[in-house]
Amino acid sequence: MSGTSTTRTEWSRWAGVALTALLAVLAFTVQWGVVTAKLDHVEKRLDELIVEARALRTEYQAIERRVSFLEGRQNGRTPP
């Protein structure tokens, strides 16, 4: 009878190790999915910010041109 008990105990230990490993892999997979989804969101937001920054830079350059034109008029220079 002690041989059967030892076999069950060993099987139990291995089953526990296998279950723990399976749960760890499952948790890692779920966490990886969450992190990947969040990184995708961050990437999209950064792309939006880059587009906005380019638009602002273009607008800023247009304002600089207008100010330069007005400064030229104020100093008595006529634009070409």
PDB file of N, CA and C in Angstrom:
ATOM      1  N   MET A   1       0.814  -1.191   0.000  1.00  0.00           N
ATOM      2  CA  MET A   1       0.000   0.000   0.000  1.00  0.00           C
ATOM      3  C   MET A   1       0.861   1.260   0.000  1.00  0.00           C
ATOM      4  N   SER A   2       2.027   1.182   0.611  1.00  0.00           N
ATOM      5  CA  SER A   2       2.864   2.377   0.658  1.00  0.00           C
ATOM      6  C   SER A   2       3.398   2.736  -0.720  1.00  0.00           C
ATOM      7  N   GLY A   3       3.550   1.797  -1.628  1.00  0.00           N
ATOM      8  CA  GLY A   3       3.983   2.071  -2.996  1.00  0.00           C
ATOM      9  C   GLY A   3       2.951   2.888  -3.734  1.00  0.00           C
ATOM     10  N   THR A   4       1.676   2.610  -3.571  1.00  0.00           N
ATOM     11  CA  THR A   4       0.602   3.355  -4.221  1.00  0.00           C
ATOM     12  C   THR A   4       0.537   4.770  -3.668  1.00  0.00           C
ATOM     13  N   SER A   5       0.713   4.894  -2.387  1.00  0.00           N
ATOM     14  CA  SER A   5       0.666   6.212  -1.733  1.00  0.00           C
ATOM     15  C   SER A   5       1.808   7.096  -2.222  1.00  0.00           C
ATOM     16  N   THR A   6       2.978   6.512  -2.375  1.00  0.00           N
ATOM     17  CA  THR A   6       4.137   7.271  -2.851  1.00  0.00           C
ATOM     18  C   THR A   6       3.925   7.703  -4.298  1.00  0.00           C
ATOM     19  N   THR A   7       3.344   6.813  -5.103  1.00  0.00           N
ATOM     20  CA  THR A   7       3.082   7.140  -6.502  1.00  0.00           C
ATOM     21  C   THR A   7       2.094   8.282  -6.603  1.00  0.00           C
ATOM     22  N   ARG A   8       1.041   8.234  -5.800  1.00  0.00           N
ATOM     23  CA  ARG A   8       0.052   9.317  -5.811  1.00  0.00           C
ATOM     24  C   ARG A   8       0.660  10.639  -5.359  1.00  0.00           C
ATOM     25  N   THR A   9       1.513  10.584  -4.352  1.00  0.00           N
ATOM     26  CA  THR A   9       2.142  11.800  -3.834  1.00  0.00           C
ATOM     27  C   THR A   9       3.032  12.421  -4.904  1.00  0.00           C
ATOM     28  N   GLU A  10       3.805  11.561  -5.589  1.00  0.00           N
ATOM     29  CA  GLU A  10       4.665  12.093  -6.657  1.00  0.00           C
ATOM     30  C   GLU A  10       3.849  12.647  -7.804  1.00  0.00           C
ATOM     31  N   TRP A  11       2.793  11.944  -8.175  1.00  0.00           N
ATOM     32  CA  TRP A  11       1.919  12.424  -9.247  1.00  0.00           C
ATOM     33  C   TRP A  11       1.309  13.761  -8.852  1.00  0.00           C
ATOM     34  N   SER A  12       0.914  13.892  -7.599  1.00  0.00           N
ATOM     35  CA  SER A  12       0.341  15.146  -7.086  1.00  0.00           C
ATOM     36  C   SER A  12       1.337  16.287  -7.186  1.00  0.00           C
ATOM     37  N   ARG A  13       2.556  16.023  -6.836  1.00  0.00           N
ATOM     38  CA  ARG A  13       3.577  17.064  -6.893  1.00  0.00           C
ATOM     39  C   ARG A  13       3.778  17.526  -8.333  1.00  0.00           C
ATOM     40  N   TRP A  14       3.912  16.573  -9.255  1.00  0.00           N
ATOM     41  CA  TRP A  14       4.122  16.936 -10.648  1.00  0.00           C
ATOM     42  C   TRP A  14       2.905  17.639 -11.232  1.00  0.00           C
ATOM     43  N   ALA A  15       1.724  17.193 -10.812  1.00  0.00           N
ATOM     44  CA  ALA A  15       0.499  17.848 -11.281  1.00  0.00           C
ATOM     45  C   ALA A  15       0.456  19.294 -10.780  1.00  0.00           C
ATOM     46  N   GLY A  16       0.869  19.508  -9.540  1.00  0.00           N
ATOM     47  CA  GLY A  16       0.917  20.864  -8.981  1.00  0.00           C
ATOM     48  C   GLY A  16       1.908  21.740  -9.717  1.00  0.00           C
ATOM     49  N   VAL A  17       3.079  21.175 -10.024  1.00  0.00           N
ATOM     50  CA  VAL A  17       4.099  21.924 -10.760  1.00  0.00           C
ATOM     51  C   VAL A  17       3.587  22.259 -12.167  1.00  0.00           C
ATOM     52  N   ALA A  18       2.969  21.281 -12.822  1.00  0.00           N
ATOM     53  CA  ALA A  18       2.456  21.501 -14.173  1.00  0.00           C
ATOM     54  C   ALA A  18       1.340  22.544 -14.170  1.00  0.00           C
ATOM     55  N   LEU A  19       0.436  22.464 -13.194  1.00  0.00           N
ATOM     56  CA  LEU A  19      -0.654  23.436 -13.099  1.00  0.00           C
ATOM     57  C   LEU A  19      -0.109  24.841 -12.843  1.00  0.00           C
ATOM     58  N   THR A  20       0.876  24.945 -11.959  1.00  0.00           N
ATOM     59  CA  THR A  20       1.480  26.251 -11.668  1.00  0.00           C
ATOM     60  C   THR A  20       2.160  26.817 -12.909  1.00  0.00           C
ATOM     61  N   ALA A  21       2.873  25.968 -13.643  1.00  0.00           N
ATOM     62  CA  ALA A  21       3.538  26.420 -14.866  1.00  0.00           C
ATOM     63  C   ALA A  21       2.511  26.859 -15.909  1.00  0.00           C
ATOM     64  N   LEU A  22       1.433  26.089 -16.049  1.00  0.00           N
ATOM     65  CA  LEU A  22       0.385  26.445 -16.997  1.00  0.00           C
ATOM     66  C   LEU A  22      -0.252  27.786 -16.637  1.00  0.00           C
ATOM     67  N   LEU A  23      -0.545  27.986 -15.369  1.00  0.00           N
ATOM     68  CA  LEU A  23      -1.127  29.260 -14.936  1.00  0.00           C
ATOM     69  C   LEU A  23      -0.155  30.422 -15.149  1.00  0.00           C
ATOM     70  N   ALA A  24       1.130  30.168 -14.918  1.00  0.00           N
ATOM     71  CA  ALA A  24       2.133  31.222 -15.128  1.00  0.00           C
ATOM     72  C   ALA A  24       2.205  31.593 -16.606  1.00  0.00           C
ATOM     73  N   VAL A  25       2.192  30.603 -17.486  1.00  0.00           N
ATOM     74  CA  VAL A  25       2.232  30.884 -18.926  1.00  0.00           C
ATOM     75  C   VAL A  25       0.972  31.630 -19.354  1.00  0.00           C
ATOM     76  N   LEU A  26      -0.173  31.211 -18.834  1.00  0.00           N
ATOM     77  CA  LEU A  26      -1.431  31.885 -19.157  1.00  0.00           C
ATOM     78  C   LEU A  26      -1.415  33.342 -18.680  1.00  0.00           C
ATOM     79  N   ALA A  27      -0.955  33.560 -17.462  1.00  0.00           N
ATOM     80  CA  ALA A  27      -0.882  34.923 -16.923  1.00  0.00           C
ATOM     81  C   ALA A  27       0.089  35.779 -17.737  1.00  0.00           C
ATOM     82  N   PHE A  28       1.217  35.197 -18.110  1.00  0.00           N
ATOM     83  CA  PHE A  28       2.193  35.919 -18.914  1.00  0.00           C
ATOM     84  C   PHE A  28       1.600  36.294 -20.277  1.00  0.00           C
ATOM     85  N   THR A  29       0.867  35.381 -20.876  1.00  0.00           N
ATOM     86  CA  THR A  29       0.249  35.638 -22.173  1.00  0.00           C
ATOM     87  C   THR A  29      -0.777  36.759 -22.079  1.00  0.00           C
ATOM     88  N   VAL A  30      -1.611  36.720 -21.059  1.00  0.00           N
ATOM     89  CA  VAL A  30      -2.622  37.766 -20.875  1.00  0.00           C
ATOM     90  C   VAL A  30      -1.946  39.113 -20.632  1.00  0.00           C
ATOM     91  N   GLN A  31      -0.927  39.112 -19.779  1.00  0.00           N
ATOM     92  CA  GLN A  31      -0.222  40.361 -19.482  1.00  0.00           C
ATOM     93  C   GLN A  31       0.445  40.906 -20.741  1.00  0.00           C
ATOM     94  N   TRP A  32       1.017  40.033 -21.546  1.00  0.00           N
ATOM     95  CA  TRP A  32       1.656  40.449 -22.800  1.00  0.00           C
ATOM     96  C   TRP A  32       0.633  41.109 -23.713  1.00  0.00           C
ATOM     97  N   GLY A  33      -0.556  40.539 -23.783  1.00  0.00           N
ATOM     98  CA  GLY A  33      -1.615  41.118 -24.603  1.00  0.00           C
ATOM     99  C   GLY A  33      -2.021  42.493 -24.121  1.00  0.00           C
ATOM    100  N   VAL A  34      -2.122  42.651 -22.810  1.00  0.00           N
ATOM    101  CA  VAL A  34      -2.499  43.955 -22.239  1.00  0.00           C
ATOM    102  C   VAL A  34      -1.425  44.992 -22.541  1.00  0.00           C
ATOM    103  N   VAL A  35      -0.182  44.626 -22.342  1.00  0.00           N
ATOM    104  CA  VAL A  35       0.919  45.564 -22.587  1.00  0.00           C
ATOM    105  C   VAL A  35       0.979  45.939 -24.063  1.00  0.00           C
ATOM    106  N   THR A  36       0.806  44.953 -24.930  1.00  0.00           N
ATOM    107  CA  THR A  36       0.834  45.220 -26.370  1.00  0.00           C
ATOM    108  C   THR A  36      -0.293  46.163 -26.771  1.00  0.00           C
ATOM    109  N   ALA A  37      -1.480  45.952 -26.222  1.00  0.00           N
ATOM    110  CA  ALA A  37      -2.615  46.824 -26.541  1.00  0.00           C
ATOM    111  C   ALA A  37      -2.344  48.260 -26.075  1.00  0.00           C
ATOM    112  N   LYS A  38      -1.781  48.397 -24.887  1.00  0.00           N
ATOM    113  CA  LYS A  38      -1.484  49.741 -24.377  1.00  0.00           C
ATOM    114  C   LYS A  38      -0.403  50.417 -25.205  1.00  0.00           C
ATOM    115  N   LEU A  39       0.605  49.646 -25.620  1.00  0.00           N
ATOM    116  CA  LEU A  39       1.656  50.224 -26.454  1.00  0.00           C
ATOM    117  C   LEU A  39       1.113  50.647 -27.807  1.00  0.00           C
ATOM    118  N   ASP A  40       0.184  49.894 -28.355  1.00  0.00           N
ATOM    119  CA  ASP A  40      -0.445  50.292 -29.614  1.00  0.00           C
ATOM    120  C   ASP A  40      -1.175  51.620 -29.455  1.00  0.00           C
ATOM    121  N   HIS A  41      -1.871  51.766 -28.324  1.00  0.00           N
ATOM    122  CA  HIS A  41      -2.585  53.022 -28.052  1.00  0.00           C
ATOM    123  C   HIS A  41      -1.598  54.180 -27.932  1.00  0.00           C
ATOM    124  N   VAL A  42      -0.503  53.952 -27.232  1.00  0.00           N
ATOM    125  CA  VAL A  42       0.507  55.000 -27.069  1.00  0.00           C
ATOM    126  C   VAL A  42       1.110  55.365 -28.422  1.00  0.00           C
ATOM    127  N   GLU A  43       1.364  54.364 -29.251  1.00  0.00           N
ATOM    128  CA  GLU A  43       1.929  54.627 -30.573  1.00  0.00           C
ATOM    129  C   GLU A  43       0.980  55.473 -31.423  1.00  0.00           C
ATOM    130  N   LYS A  44      -0.300  55.155 -31.376  1.00  0.00           N
ATOM    131  CA  LYS A  44      -1.280  55.940 -32.136  1.00  0.00           C
ATOM    132  C   LYS A  44      -1.324  57.379 -31.638  1.00  0.00           C
ATOM    133  N   ARG A  45      -1.296  57.550 -30.330  1.00  0.00           N
ATOM    134  CA  ARG A  45      -1.337  58.894 -29.758  1.00  0.00           C
ATOM    135  C   ARG A  45      -0.087  59.691 -30.133  1.00  0.00           C
ATOM    136  N   LEU A  46       1.076  59.035 -30.112  1.00  0.00           N
ATOM    137  CA  LEU A  46       2.306  59.714 -30.506  1.00  0.00           C
ATOM    138  C   LEU A  46       2.251  60.130 -31.977  1.00  0.00           C
ATOM    139  N   ASP A  47       1.690  59.271 -32.815  1.00  0.00           N
ATOM    140  CA  ASP A  47       1.529  59.638 -34.231  1.00  0.00           C
ATOM    141  C   ASP A  47       0.636  60.869 -34.366  1.00  0.00           C
ATOM    142  N   GLU A  48      -0.448  60.922 -33.584  1.00  0.00           N
ATOM    143  CA  GLU A  48      -1.330  62.089 -33.613  1.00  0.00           C
ATOM    144  C   GLU A  48      -0.587  63.348 -33.170  1.00  0.00           C
ATOM    145  N   LEU A  49       0.228  63.214 -32.126  1.00  0.00           N
ATOM    146  CA  LEU A  49       0.985  64.373 -31.635  1.00  0.00           C
ATOM    147  C   LEU A  49       2.005  64.844 -32.660  1.00  0.00           C
ATOM    148  N   ILE A  50       2.617  63.921 -33.375  1.00  0.00           N
ATOM    149  CA  ILE A  50       3.582  64.302 -34.415  1.00  0.00           C
ATOM    150  C   ILE A  50       2.886  65.083 -35.511  1.00  0.00           C
ATOM    151  N   VAL A  51       1.706  64.614 -35.920  1.00  0.00           N
ATOM    152  CA  VAL A  51       0.948  65.325 -36.961  1.00  0.00           C
ATOM    153  C   VAL A  51       0.572  66.721 -36.470  1.00  0.00           C
ATOM    154  N   GLU A  52       0.121  66.822 -35.229  1.00  0.00           N
ATOM    155  CA  GLU A  52      -0.237  68.128 -34.667  1.00  0.00           C
ATOM    156  C   GLU A  52       0.973  69.046 -34.595  1.00  0.00           C
ATOM    157  N   ALA A  53       2.122  68.503 -34.205  1.00  0.00           N
ATOM    158  CA  ALA A  53       3.336  69.318 -34.108  1.00  0.00           C
ATOM    159  C   ALA A  53       3.750  69.843 -35.482  1.00  0.00           C
ATOM    160  N   ARG A  54       3.616  69.005 -36.502  1.00  0.00           N
ATOM    161  CA  ARG A  54       3.955  69.461 -37.859  1.00  0.00           C
ATOM    162  C   ARG A  54       3.017  70.572 -38.313  1.00  0.00           C
ATOM    163  N   ALA A  55       1.738  70.422 -38.002  1.00  0.00           N
ATOM    164  CA  ALA A  55       0.765  71.453 -38.370  1.00  0.00           C
ATOM    165  C   ALA A  55       1.074  72.757 -37.645  1.00  0.00           C
ATOM    166  N   LEU A  56       1.427  72.658 -36.367  1.00  0.00           N
ATOM    167  CA  LEU A  56       1.767  73.867 -35.601  1.00  0.00           C
ATOM    168  C   LEU A  56       3.027  74.520 -36.145  1.00  0.00           C
ATOM    169  N   ARG A  57       4.000  73.709 -36.542  1.00  0.00           N
ATOM    170  CA  ARG A  57       5.224  74.272 -37.098  1.00  0.00           C
ATOM    171  C   ARG A  57       4.919  75.024 -38.392  1.00  0.00           C
ATOM    172  N   THR A  58       4.072  74.456 -39.229  1.00  0.00           N
ATOM    173  CA  THR A  58       3.684  75.113 -40.476  1.00  0.00           C
ATOM    174  C   THR A  58       2.974  76.435 -40.188  1.00  0.00           C
ATOM    175  N   GLU A  59       2.073  76.389 -39.224  1.00  0.00           N
ATOM    176  CA  GLU A  59       1.342  77.608 -38.850  1.00  0.00           C
ATOM    177  C   GLU A  59       2.300  78.662 -38.284  1.00  0.00           C
ATOM    178  N   TYR A  60       3.245  78.226 -37.468  1.00  0.00           N
ATOM    179  CA  TYR A  60       4.221  79.142 -36.886  1.00  0.00           C
ATOM    180  C   TYR A  60       5.057  79.807 -37.982  1.00  0.00           C
ATOM    181  N   GLN A  61       5.469  79.028 -38.974  1.00  0.00           N
ATOM    182  CA  GLN A  61       6.246  79.586 -40.078  1.00  0.00           C
ATOM    183  C   GLN A  61       5.421  80.589 -40.880  1.00  0.00           C
ATOM    184  N   ALA A  62       4.142  80.316 -41.058  1.00  0.00           N
ATOM    185  CA  ALA A  62       3.269  81.249 -41.770  1.00  0.00           C
ATOM    186  C   ALA A  62       3.145  82.553 -40.991  1.00  0.00           C
ATOM    187  N   ILE A  63       3.022  82.454 -39.678  1.00  0.00           N
ATOM    188  CA  ILE A  63       2.937  83.665 -38.846  1.00  0.00           C
ATOM    189  C   ILE A  63       4.238  84.452 -38.929  1.00  0.00           C
ATOM    190  N   GLU A  64       5.376  83.750 -38.900  1.00  0.00           N
ATOM    191  CA  GLU A  64       6.667  84.437 -39.021  1.00  0.00           C
ATOM    192  C   GLU A  64       6.767  85.193 -40.348  1.00  0.00           C
ATOM    193  N   ARG A  65       6.285  84.592 -41.424  1.00  0.00           N
ATOM    194  CA  ARG A  65       6.303  85.268 -42.722  1.00  0.00           C
ATOM    195  C   ARG A  65       5.431  86.520 -42.692  1.00  0.00           C
ATOM    196  N   ARG A  66       4.260  86.412 -42.081  1.00  0.00           N
ATOM    197  CA  ARG A  66       3.366  87.582 -42.005  1.00  0.00           C
ATOM    198  C   ARG A  66       3.989  88.699 -41.182  1.00  0.00           C
ATOM    199  N   VAL A  67       4.598  88.339 -40.054  1.00  0.00           N
ATOM    200  CA  VAL A  67       5.231  89.347 -39.199  1.00  0.00           C
ATOM    201  C   VAL A  67       6.388  90.000 -39.944  1.00  0.00           C
ATOM    202  N   SER A  68       7.167  89.189 -40.638  1.00  0.00           N
ATOM    203  CA  SER A  68       8.281  89.735 -41.404  1.00  0.00           C
ATOM    204  C   SER A  68       7.767  90.710 -42.464  1.00  0.00           C
ATOM    205  N   PHE A  69       6.685  90.348 -43.128  1.00  0.00           N
ATOM    206  CA  PHE A  69       6.077  91.225 -44.138  1.00  0.00           C
ATOM    207  C   PHE A  69       5.628  92.536 -43.498  1.00  0.00           C
ATOM    208  N   LEU A  70       4.950  92.434 -42.338  1.00  0.00           N
ATOM    209  CA  LEU A  70       4.460  93.643 -41.664  1.00  0.00           C
ATOM    210  C   LEU A  70       5.609  94.508 -41.159  1.00  0.00           C
ATOM    211  N   GLU A  71       6.670  93.893 -40.672  1.00  0.00           N
ATOM    212  CA  GLU A  71       7.824  94.669 -40.223  1.00  0.00           C
ATOM    213  C   GLU A  71       8.440  95.425 -41.388  1.00  0.00           C
ATOM    214  N   GLY A  72       8.479  94.779 -42.556  1.00  0.00           N
ATOM    215  CA  GLY A  72       9.006  95.448 -43.749  1.00  0.00           C
ATOM    216  C   GLY A  72       8.156  96.636 -44.143  1.00  0.00           C
ATOM    217  N   ARG A  73       6.852  96.507 -44.035  1.00  0.00           N
ATOM    218  CA  ARG A  73       5.953  97.632 -44.364  1.00  0.00           C
ATOM    219  C   ARG A  73       6.130  98.761 -43.358  1.00  0.00           C
ATOM    220  N   GLN A  74       6.302  98.412 -42.096  1.00  0.00           N
ATOM    221  CA  GLN A  74       6.417  99.441 -41.073  1.00  0.00           C
ATOM    222  C   GLN A  74       7.716 100.231 -41.231  1.00  0.00           C
ATOM    223  N   ASN A  75       8.765  99.579 -41.665  1.00  0.00           N
ATOM    224  CA  ASN A  75      10.064 100.260 -41.839  1.00  0.00           C
ATOM    225  C   ASN A  75      10.142 101.011 -43.159  1.00  0.00           C
ATOM    226  N   GLY A  76       9.072 101.020 -43.913  1.00  0.00           N
ATOM    227  CA  GLY A  76       9.049 101.784 -45.146  1.00  0.00           C
ATOM    228  C   GLY A  76       9.534 101.034 -46.358  1.00  0.00           C
ATOM    229  N   ARG A  77       9.880  99.801 -46.176  1.00  0.00           N
ATOM    230  CA  ARG A  77      10.293  99.008 -47.324  1.00  0.00           C
ATOM    231  C   ARG A  77       9.044  98.466 -47.996  1.00  0.00           C
ATOM    232  N   THR A  78       9.051  98.513 -49.264  1.00  0.00           N
ATOM    233  CA  THR A  78       7.907  97.973 -49.986  1.00  0.00           C
ATOM    234  C   THR A  78       8.232  96.554 -50.427  1.00  0.00           C
ATOM    235  N   PRO A  79       7.296  95.691 -50.246  1.00  0.00           N
ATOM    236  CA  PRO A  79       7.556  94.302 -50.659  1.00  0.00           C
ATOM    237  C   PRO A  79       7.572  94.214 -52.174  1.00  0.00           C
ATOM    238  N   PRO A  80       8.295  93.258 -52.695  1.00  0.00           N
ATOM    239  CA  PRO A  80       8.393  93.115 -54.143  1.00  0.00           C
ATOM    240  C   PRO A  80       7.063  92.755 -54.773  1.00  0.00           C
TER     241      PRO A  80
END
